[in-house]
Amino acid sequence: MPFIADKDKSTLRDRLKHNLKQDVKLRLFTQRTFGLTIPGRECPTCEDAYKLMQELAELSPKLKLEVVNFYSNRQATQDAGVERIPALVLSSGPASNVKFYGIPLGFEFASLLETIVTLSRGVSPLALDTRKKLKQVKDPVHIQVFVTPT
C-alpha cells in the first residue's frame, strides 16, 4: 500500500514543480534486510522510510534519492553524523545539511516538504533581522528540533 495517496500525488507533484528551484539530495540512511533481521540491528521503520522516500522522489526530477546502508557504509554514516536509523539527510549544496530521524509521516511530512522547498530555494524563511543576528554567531551550534503528534 502506498504512503502517498494517488489523489495527493498530483497536488504534491504540482507543488514541487512550482516551488523547487535547485535539486535537493535526499540521503536515506537505512538497512536493507530483505526480510532477514540480525539481532541487535532491528529497524522496524526502515523499510517504510525507504518506500516513502521512493514515492516522494518519484514526484519531482529535482529530488535525488540516495540510499546509504548504515552498517556497511560506515564512512558515509560518520561523515554525515548519522547516529541511528532510519535517518534522512537533506542538502542542496555543500553548506546545507538538515537531518530527520525516524519516518517523517503525519505532521512530520509537512515539515519535510517545507524543508525541501526551503533548501531548494536557497533562501531562509527567517525574518531579515533574525538572519542578521544569526550571522553574528561565530561558534559551532548544534540545534535539535523534536516533532511529535501531541
N, C-alpha and C. Protein backbone atom coordinates (compact mmCIF):
# COMPACT_ATOMS: atom_id res chain seq x y z
N MET A 1 0.84 -1.18 0.00
CA MET A 1 0.00 0.00 0.00
C MET A 1 0.89 1.25 0.00
N PRO A 2 0.62 2.19 -0.89
CA PRO A 2 1.45 3.41 -0.95
C PRO A 2 1.22 4.32 0.26
N PHE A 3 2.25 5.08 0.59
CA PHE A 3 2.14 6.04 1.69
C PHE A 3 1.48 7.33 1.23
N ILE A 4 1.74 7.71 -0.02
CA ILE A 4 1.16 8.93 -0.57
C ILE A 4 0.00 8.52 -1.47
N ALA A 5 -1.19 8.95 -1.11
CA ALA A 5 -2.39 8.58 -1.87
C ALA A 5 -2.31 9.17 -3.28
N ASP A 6 -2.91 8.45 -4.22
CA ASP A 6 -2.89 8.90 -5.62
C ASP A 6 -3.45 10.31 -5.77
N LYS A 7 -4.51 10.62 -5.03
CA LYS A 7 -5.13 11.95 -5.14
C LYS A 7 -4.19 13.05 -4.64
N ASP A 8 -3.29 12.69 -3.72
CA ASP A 8 -2.34 13.67 -3.19
C ASP A 8 -1.10 13.79 -4.07
N LYS A 9 -0.79 12.75 -4.83
CA LYS A 9 0.42 12.78 -5.66
C LYS A 9 0.40 13.90 -6.68
N SER A 10 -0.73 14.12 -7.34
CA SER A 10 -0.78 15.17 -8.35
C SER A 10 -0.65 16.56 -7.71
N THR A 11 -1.23 16.74 -6.54
CA THR A 11 -1.11 18.01 -5.82
C THR A 11 0.34 18.25 -5.42
N LEU A 12 0.99 17.21 -4.87
CA LEU A 12 2.39 17.33 -4.48
C LEU A 12 3.29 17.55 -5.69
N ARG A 13 3.02 16.84 -6.77
CA ARG A 13 3.81 16.98 -7.99
C ARG A 13 3.76 18.43 -8.48
N ASP A 14 2.56 19.03 -8.50
CA ASP A 14 2.42 20.43 -8.93
C ASP A 14 3.14 21.38 -7.98
N ARG A 15 2.98 21.14 -6.69
CA ARG A 15 3.63 22.00 -5.70
C ARG A 15 5.15 21.95 -5.85
N LEU A 16 5.69 20.77 -6.01
CA LEU A 16 7.13 20.63 -6.17
C LEU A 16 7.60 21.25 -7.48
N LYS A 17 6.83 21.08 -8.53
CA LYS A 17 7.20 21.64 -9.84
C LYS A 17 7.30 23.16 -9.77
N HIS A 18 6.39 23.79 -9.06
CA HIS A 18 6.36 25.25 -9.00
C HIS A 18 7.27 25.84 -7.92
N ASN A 19 7.64 25.06 -6.92
CA ASN A 19 8.38 25.61 -5.79
C ASN A 19 9.85 25.21 -5.73
N LEU A 20 10.23 24.13 -6.40
CA LEU A 20 11.63 23.71 -6.32
C LEU A 20 12.45 24.42 -7.39
N LYS A 21 13.53 25.05 -6.96
CA LYS A 21 14.41 25.77 -7.88
C LYS A 21 15.68 24.97 -8.16
N GLN A 22 16.33 24.48 -7.11
CA GLN A 22 17.55 23.68 -7.25
C GLN A 22 17.25 22.24 -6.86
N ASP A 23 18.12 21.33 -7.28
CA ASP A 23 17.98 19.94 -6.86
C ASP A 23 18.18 19.82 -5.35
N VAL A 24 17.48 18.86 -4.77
CA VAL A 24 17.64 18.55 -3.35
C VAL A 24 18.00 17.08 -3.25
N LYS A 25 19.09 16.81 -2.56
CA LYS A 25 19.55 15.44 -2.37
C LYS A 25 18.93 14.88 -1.09
N LEU A 26 18.27 13.73 -1.22
CA LEU A 26 17.66 13.03 -0.10
C LEU A 26 18.53 11.81 0.17
N ARG A 27 19.33 11.84 1.22
CA ARG A 27 20.19 10.70 1.55
C ARG A 27 19.54 9.94 2.70
N LEU A 28 19.03 8.77 2.38
CA LEU A 28 18.37 7.93 3.37
C LEU A 28 19.36 6.92 3.92
N PHE A 29 19.64 7.02 5.20
CA PHE A 29 20.50 6.06 5.89
C PHE A 29 19.59 5.01 6.51
N THR A 30 19.80 3.77 6.09
CA THR A 30 18.89 2.71 6.47
C THR A 30 19.62 1.38 6.40
N GLN A 31 18.87 0.32 6.50
CA GLN A 31 19.42 -1.01 6.23
C GLN A 31 18.41 -1.73 5.35
N ARG A 32 18.88 -2.49 4.46
CA ARG A 32 18.00 -3.29 3.60
C ARG A 32 18.21 -4.73 4.00
N THR A 33 17.20 -5.30 4.66
CA THR A 33 17.36 -6.65 5.19
C THR A 33 16.68 -7.70 4.34
N PHE A 34 15.75 -7.29 3.47
CA PHE A 34 15.05 -8.22 2.60
C PHE A 34 14.41 -9.36 3.41
N GLY A 35 13.81 -8.99 4.55
CA GLY A 35 13.11 -9.97 5.36
C GLY A 35 13.94 -10.62 6.44
N LEU A 36 15.26 -10.43 6.39
CA LEU A 36 16.14 -11.00 7.41
C LEU A 36 16.41 -9.96 8.49
N THR A 37 16.44 -10.38 9.72
CA THR A 37 16.74 -9.48 10.82
C THR A 37 17.94 -10.00 11.60
N ILE A 38 18.92 -9.18 11.74
CA ILE A 38 20.10 -9.54 12.54
C ILE A 38 19.84 -9.03 13.95
N PRO A 39 19.93 -9.90 14.93
CA PRO A 39 19.68 -9.46 16.32
C PRO A 39 20.56 -8.26 16.69
N GLY A 40 19.94 -7.26 17.29
CA GLY A 40 20.63 -6.04 17.66
C GLY A 40 20.62 -4.99 16.57
N ARG A 41 20.16 -5.35 15.38
CA ARG A 41 20.10 -4.41 14.26
C ARG A 41 18.67 -4.28 13.72
N GLU A 42 17.71 -4.46 14.59
CA GLU A 42 16.33 -4.34 14.16
C GLU A 42 16.02 -2.88 13.82
N CYS A 43 15.25 -2.69 12.79
CA CYS A 43 14.81 -1.35 12.39
C CYS A 43 13.40 -1.49 11.82
N PRO A 44 12.41 -1.44 12.68
CA PRO A 44 11.04 -1.70 12.23
C PRO A 44 10.49 -0.68 11.24
N THR A 45 11.07 0.52 11.17
CA THR A 45 10.53 1.53 10.24
C THR A 45 11.43 1.78 9.03
N CYS A 46 12.54 1.08 8.92
CA CYS A 46 13.47 1.32 7.81
C CYS A 46 12.84 1.04 6.45
N GLU A 47 12.16 -0.05 6.31
CA GLU A 47 11.57 -0.39 5.01
C GLU A 47 10.49 0.62 4.62
N ASP A 48 9.68 1.03 5.61
CA ASP A 48 8.64 2.04 5.33
C ASP A 48 9.26 3.39 4.96
N ALA A 49 10.34 3.77 5.62
CA ALA A 49 11.02 5.03 5.29
C ALA A 49 11.55 4.98 3.86
N TYR A 50 12.08 3.83 3.48
CA TYR A 50 12.59 3.65 2.12
C TYR A 50 11.46 3.81 1.09
N LYS A 51 10.34 3.14 1.35
CA LYS A 51 9.20 3.22 0.41
C LYS A 51 8.66 4.64 0.30
N LEU A 52 8.56 5.34 1.44
CA LEU A 52 8.07 6.71 1.43
C LEU A 52 9.00 7.62 0.63
N MET A 53 10.30 7.48 0.84
CA MET A 53 11.26 8.33 0.12
C MET A 53 11.27 8.02 -1.37
N GLN A 54 11.08 6.77 -1.73
CA GLN A 54 10.97 6.41 -3.15
C GLN A 54 9.76 7.10 -3.77
N GLU A 55 8.62 7.01 -3.10
CA GLU A 55 7.40 7.64 -3.61
C GLU A 55 7.58 9.15 -3.76
N LEU A 56 8.19 9.78 -2.75
CA LEU A 56 8.39 11.22 -2.80
C LEU A 56 9.34 11.60 -3.93
N ALA A 57 10.46 10.90 -4.06
CA ALA A 57 11.45 11.22 -5.09
C ALA A 57 10.89 11.07 -6.50
N GLU A 58 9.92 10.18 -6.67
CA GLU A 58 9.32 9.98 -7.99
C GLU A 58 8.44 11.15 -8.41
N LEU A 59 8.13 12.05 -7.49
CA LEU A 59 7.22 13.16 -7.79
C LEU A 59 7.92 14.36 -8.43
N SER A 60 9.25 14.39 -8.40
CA SER A 60 9.96 15.52 -8.99
C SER A 60 11.35 15.09 -9.45
N PRO A 61 11.75 15.53 -10.65
CA PRO A 61 13.11 15.24 -11.11
C PRO A 61 14.16 16.02 -10.32
N LYS A 62 13.76 16.98 -9.52
CA LYS A 62 14.70 17.76 -8.71
C LYS A 62 15.00 17.09 -7.37
N LEU A 63 14.31 16.00 -7.06
CA LEU A 63 14.58 15.25 -5.84
C LEU A 63 15.44 14.05 -6.20
N LYS A 64 16.63 13.99 -5.61
CA LYS A 64 17.60 12.94 -5.90
C LYS A 64 17.76 12.05 -4.67
N LEU A 65 17.25 10.84 -4.75
CA LEU A 65 17.31 9.91 -3.63
C LEU A 65 18.58 9.07 -3.70
N GLU A 66 19.29 9.04 -2.59
CA GLU A 66 20.46 8.17 -2.45
C GLU A 66 20.24 7.34 -1.18
N VAL A 67 20.34 6.04 -1.30
CA VAL A 67 20.17 5.15 -0.15
C VAL A 67 21.54 4.70 0.31
N VAL A 68 21.82 4.89 1.60
CA VAL A 68 23.11 4.54 2.19
C VAL A 68 22.88 3.48 3.25
N ASN A 69 23.60 2.37 3.14
CA ASN A 69 23.48 1.33 4.15
C ASN A 69 24.25 1.77 5.39
N PHE A 70 23.53 1.91 6.49
CA PHE A 70 24.07 2.39 7.76
C PHE A 70 25.22 1.52 8.27
N TYR A 71 25.10 0.22 8.08
CA TYR A 71 26.09 -0.70 8.64
C TYR A 71 27.28 -0.96 7.72
N SER A 72 27.04 -1.02 6.42
CA SER A 72 28.15 -1.35 5.52
C SER A 72 28.90 -0.13 4.99
N ASN A 73 28.31 1.05 5.07
CA ASN A 73 28.98 2.26 4.60
C ASN A 73 29.24 3.19 5.79
N ARG A 74 30.13 2.74 6.67
CA ARG A 74 30.40 3.47 7.91
C ARG A 74 31.02 4.84 7.67
N GLN A 75 31.83 4.99 6.63
CA GLN A 75 32.46 6.29 6.37
C GLN A 75 31.41 7.34 6.03
N ALA A 76 30.48 7.02 5.14
CA ALA A 76 29.42 7.97 4.79
C ALA A 76 28.55 8.28 6.00
N THR A 77 28.30 7.25 6.80
CA THR A 77 27.49 7.42 8.01
C THR A 77 28.18 8.37 8.98
N GLN A 78 29.47 8.17 9.19
CA GLN A 78 30.25 9.04 10.08
C GLN A 78 30.32 10.46 9.53
N ASP A 79 30.61 10.59 8.24
CA ASP A 79 30.73 11.91 7.62
C ASP A 79 29.44 12.71 7.76
N ALA A 80 28.30 12.03 7.70
CA ALA A 80 27.01 12.72 7.81
C ALA A 80 26.57 12.91 9.26
N GLY A 81 27.30 12.31 10.18
CA GLY A 81 26.94 12.44 11.59
C GLY A 81 25.67 11.70 11.96
N VAL A 82 25.38 10.64 11.23
CA VAL A 82 24.18 9.85 11.49
C VAL A 82 24.46 8.86 12.61
N GLU A 83 23.58 8.86 13.61
CA GLU A 83 23.79 8.02 14.79
C GLU A 83 22.82 6.86 14.90
N ARG A 84 21.71 6.92 14.20
CA ARG A 84 20.70 5.86 14.26
C ARG A 84 19.89 5.87 12.97
N ILE A 85 19.11 4.84 12.78
CA ILE A 85 18.33 4.71 11.55
C ILE A 85 16.86 4.47 11.87
N PRO A 86 15.99 4.80 10.92
CA PRO A 86 16.27 5.49 9.66
C PRO A 86 16.59 6.96 9.89
N ALA A 87 17.45 7.48 9.04
CA ALA A 87 17.82 8.89 9.07
C ALA A 87 17.79 9.43 7.66
N LEU A 88 17.32 10.64 7.53
CA LEU A 88 17.25 11.29 6.23
C LEU A 88 18.05 12.58 6.32
N VAL A 89 19.06 12.71 5.46
CA VAL A 89 19.89 13.91 5.43
C VAL A 89 19.59 14.63 4.12
N LEU A 90 19.13 15.87 4.24
CA LEU A 90 18.75 16.67 3.08
C LEU A 90 19.80 17.73 2.82
N SER A 91 20.10 17.95 1.54
CA SER A 91 21.04 19.01 1.19
C SER A 91 20.76 19.51 -0.22
N SER A 92 21.15 20.77 -0.45
CA SER A 92 21.04 21.32 -1.80
C SER A 92 22.33 22.04 -2.17
N GLY A 93 23.37 21.71 -1.49
CA GLY A 93 24.67 22.31 -1.74
C GLY A 93 25.59 21.94 -0.59
N PRO A 94 26.82 22.38 -0.66
CA PRO A 94 27.79 21.99 0.37
C PRO A 94 27.50 22.58 1.75
N ALA A 95 26.80 23.69 1.82
CA ALA A 95 26.59 24.35 3.11
C ALA A 95 25.29 23.94 3.81
N SER A 96 24.41 23.26 3.12
CA SER A 96 23.13 22.91 3.73
C SER A 96 23.13 21.45 4.15
N ASN A 97 22.55 21.21 5.32
CA ASN A 97 22.53 19.86 5.84
C ASN A 97 21.46 19.79 6.93
N VAL A 98 20.34 19.17 6.62
CA VAL A 98 19.25 19.03 7.58
C VAL A 98 18.98 17.54 7.76
N LYS A 99 18.84 17.13 9.01
CA LYS A 99 18.71 15.71 9.31
C LYS A 99 17.38 15.42 9.99
N PHE A 100 16.69 14.38 9.51
CA PHE A 100 15.46 13.88 10.12
C PHE A 100 15.74 12.46 10.59
N TYR A 101 15.37 12.15 11.81
CA TYR A 101 15.43 10.77 12.30
C TYR A 101 14.02 10.21 12.34
N GLY A 102 13.90 8.92 12.04
CA GLY A 102 12.59 8.28 12.03
C GLY A 102 11.93 8.43 10.68
N ILE A 103 10.68 8.02 10.60
CA ILE A 103 9.94 8.11 9.34
C ILE A 103 9.05 9.36 9.39
N PRO A 104 9.24 10.28 8.46
CA PRO A 104 8.50 11.54 8.52
C PRO A 104 7.07 11.41 7.97
N LEU A 105 6.19 10.93 8.80
CA LEU A 105 4.77 10.80 8.43
C LEU A 105 3.94 11.76 9.26
N GLY A 106 2.71 11.97 8.86
CA GLY A 106 1.82 12.85 9.60
C GLY A 106 2.31 14.29 9.55
N PHE A 107 2.35 14.95 10.72
CA PHE A 107 2.81 16.33 10.79
C PHE A 107 4.26 16.46 10.32
N GLU A 108 5.04 15.42 10.55
CA GLU A 108 6.44 15.46 10.15
C GLU A 108 6.59 15.54 8.62
N PHE A 109 5.64 14.98 7.88
CA PHE A 109 5.71 15.02 6.42
C PHE A 109 5.59 16.45 5.93
N ALA A 110 4.72 17.24 6.55
CA ALA A 110 4.59 18.65 6.18
C ALA A 110 5.89 19.40 6.47
N SER A 111 6.53 19.09 7.59
CA SER A 111 7.82 19.70 7.92
C SER A 111 8.88 19.32 6.90
N LEU A 112 8.86 18.07 6.49
CA LEU A 112 9.80 17.59 5.48
C LEU A 112 9.63 18.35 4.16
N LEU A 113 8.39 18.50 3.71
CA LEU A 113 8.14 19.22 2.46
C LEU A 113 8.60 20.68 2.54
N GLU A 114 8.31 21.34 3.65
CA GLU A 114 8.73 22.73 3.81
C GLU A 114 10.26 22.84 3.81
N THR A 115 10.92 21.89 4.43
CA THR A 115 12.37 21.88 4.45
C THR A 115 12.94 21.69 3.05
N ILE A 116 12.35 20.78 2.29
CA ILE A 116 12.79 20.54 0.91
C ILE A 116 12.65 21.81 0.08
N VAL A 117 11.51 22.48 0.18
CA VAL A 117 11.28 23.70 -0.59
C VAL A 117 12.27 24.79 -0.16
N THR A 118 12.48 24.94 1.13
CA THR A 118 13.41 25.95 1.63
C THR A 118 14.82 25.70 1.13
N LEU A 119 15.29 24.45 1.22
CA LEU A 119 16.63 24.12 0.73
C LEU A 119 16.75 24.37 -0.77
N SER A 120 15.73 24.02 -1.51
CA SER A 120 15.76 24.17 -2.96
C SER A 120 15.82 25.64 -3.37
N ARG A 121 15.16 26.47 -2.64
CA ARG A 121 15.14 27.89 -2.97
C ARG A 121 16.40 28.61 -2.51
N GLY A 122 17.08 28.04 -1.51
CA GLY A 122 18.32 28.64 -1.05
C GLY A 122 18.15 29.93 -0.26
N VAL A 123 16.93 30.23 0.15
CA VAL A 123 16.65 31.45 0.91
C VAL A 123 15.94 31.06 2.20
N SER A 124 16.46 31.55 3.29
CA SER A 124 15.87 31.24 4.59
C SER A 124 14.52 31.94 4.75
N PRO A 125 13.53 31.24 5.34
CA PRO A 125 12.25 31.89 5.59
C PRO A 125 12.26 32.75 6.85
N LEU A 126 13.41 32.81 7.54
CA LEU A 126 13.51 33.62 8.75
C LEU A 126 13.47 35.10 8.40
N ALA A 127 13.02 35.89 9.35
CA ALA A 127 12.99 37.34 9.17
C ALA A 127 14.41 37.87 8.97
N LEU A 128 14.56 38.94 8.23
CA LEU A 128 15.87 39.52 7.93
C LEU A 128 16.62 39.86 9.21
N ASP A 129 15.94 40.41 10.19
CA ASP A 129 16.58 40.76 11.46
C ASP A 129 17.15 39.51 12.15
N THR A 130 16.41 38.42 12.11
CA THR A 130 16.87 37.16 12.70
C THR A 130 18.10 36.64 11.98
N ARG A 131 18.08 36.70 10.65
CA ARG A 131 19.23 36.24 9.88
C ARG A 131 20.48 37.07 10.16
N LYS A 132 20.31 38.38 10.35
CA LYS A 132 21.44 39.24 10.68
C LYS A 132 22.04 38.85 12.03
N LYS A 133 21.19 38.58 13.00
CA LYS A 133 21.67 38.19 14.32
C LYS A 133 22.36 36.83 14.27
N LEU A 134 21.85 35.91 13.48
CA LEU A 134 22.47 34.59 13.36
C LEU A 134 23.84 34.66 12.70
N LYS A 135 24.05 35.61 11.80
CA LYS A 135 25.36 35.77 11.15
C LYS A 135 26.43 36.18 12.15
N GLN A 136 26.01 36.74 13.28
CA GLN A 136 26.97 37.16 14.30
C GLN A 136 27.48 35.98 15.14
N VAL A 137 26.81 34.85 15.06
CA VAL A 137 27.23 33.66 15.82
C VAL A 137 28.46 33.07 15.15
N LYS A 138 29.55 32.99 15.90
CA LYS A 138 30.81 32.51 15.34
C LYS A 138 31.16 31.09 15.77
N ASP A 139 30.60 30.63 16.87
CA ASP A 139 30.89 29.29 17.37
C ASP A 139 29.94 28.28 16.74
N PRO A 140 30.40 27.03 16.57
CA PRO A 140 29.50 26.00 16.04
C PRO A 140 28.30 25.80 16.97
N VAL A 141 27.15 25.60 16.36
CA VAL A 141 25.92 25.40 17.11
C VAL A 141 25.23 24.13 16.61
N HIS A 142 24.76 23.33 17.53
CA HIS A 142 24.02 22.11 17.20
C HIS A 142 22.58 22.31 17.65
N ILE A 143 21.67 22.38 16.71
CA ILE A 143 20.26 22.63 17.01
C ILE A 143 19.48 21.37 16.74
N GLN A 144 18.63 20.98 17.68
CA GLN A 144 17.75 19.84 17.51
C GLN A 144 16.31 20.28 17.69
N VAL A 145 15.46 19.85 16.78
CA VAL A 145 14.03 20.14 16.87
C VAL A 145 13.30 18.81 16.95
N PHE A 146 12.43 18.65 17.93
CA PHE A 146 11.69 17.43 18.10
C PHE A 146 10.24 17.68 17.73
N VAL A 147 9.67 16.80 16.91
CA VAL A 147 8.29 16.92 16.49
C VAL A 147 7.54 15.68 16.92
N THR A 148 6.40 15.89 17.56
CA THR A 148 5.55 14.76 17.93
C THR A 148 4.11 15.11 17.58
N PRO A 149 3.26 14.13 17.38
CA PRO A 149 1.86 14.42 17.06
C PRO A 149 1.12 15.14 18.19
N THR A 150 1.62 15.04 19.40
CA THR A 150 0.94 15.69 20.53
C THR A 150 1.52 17.04 20.80
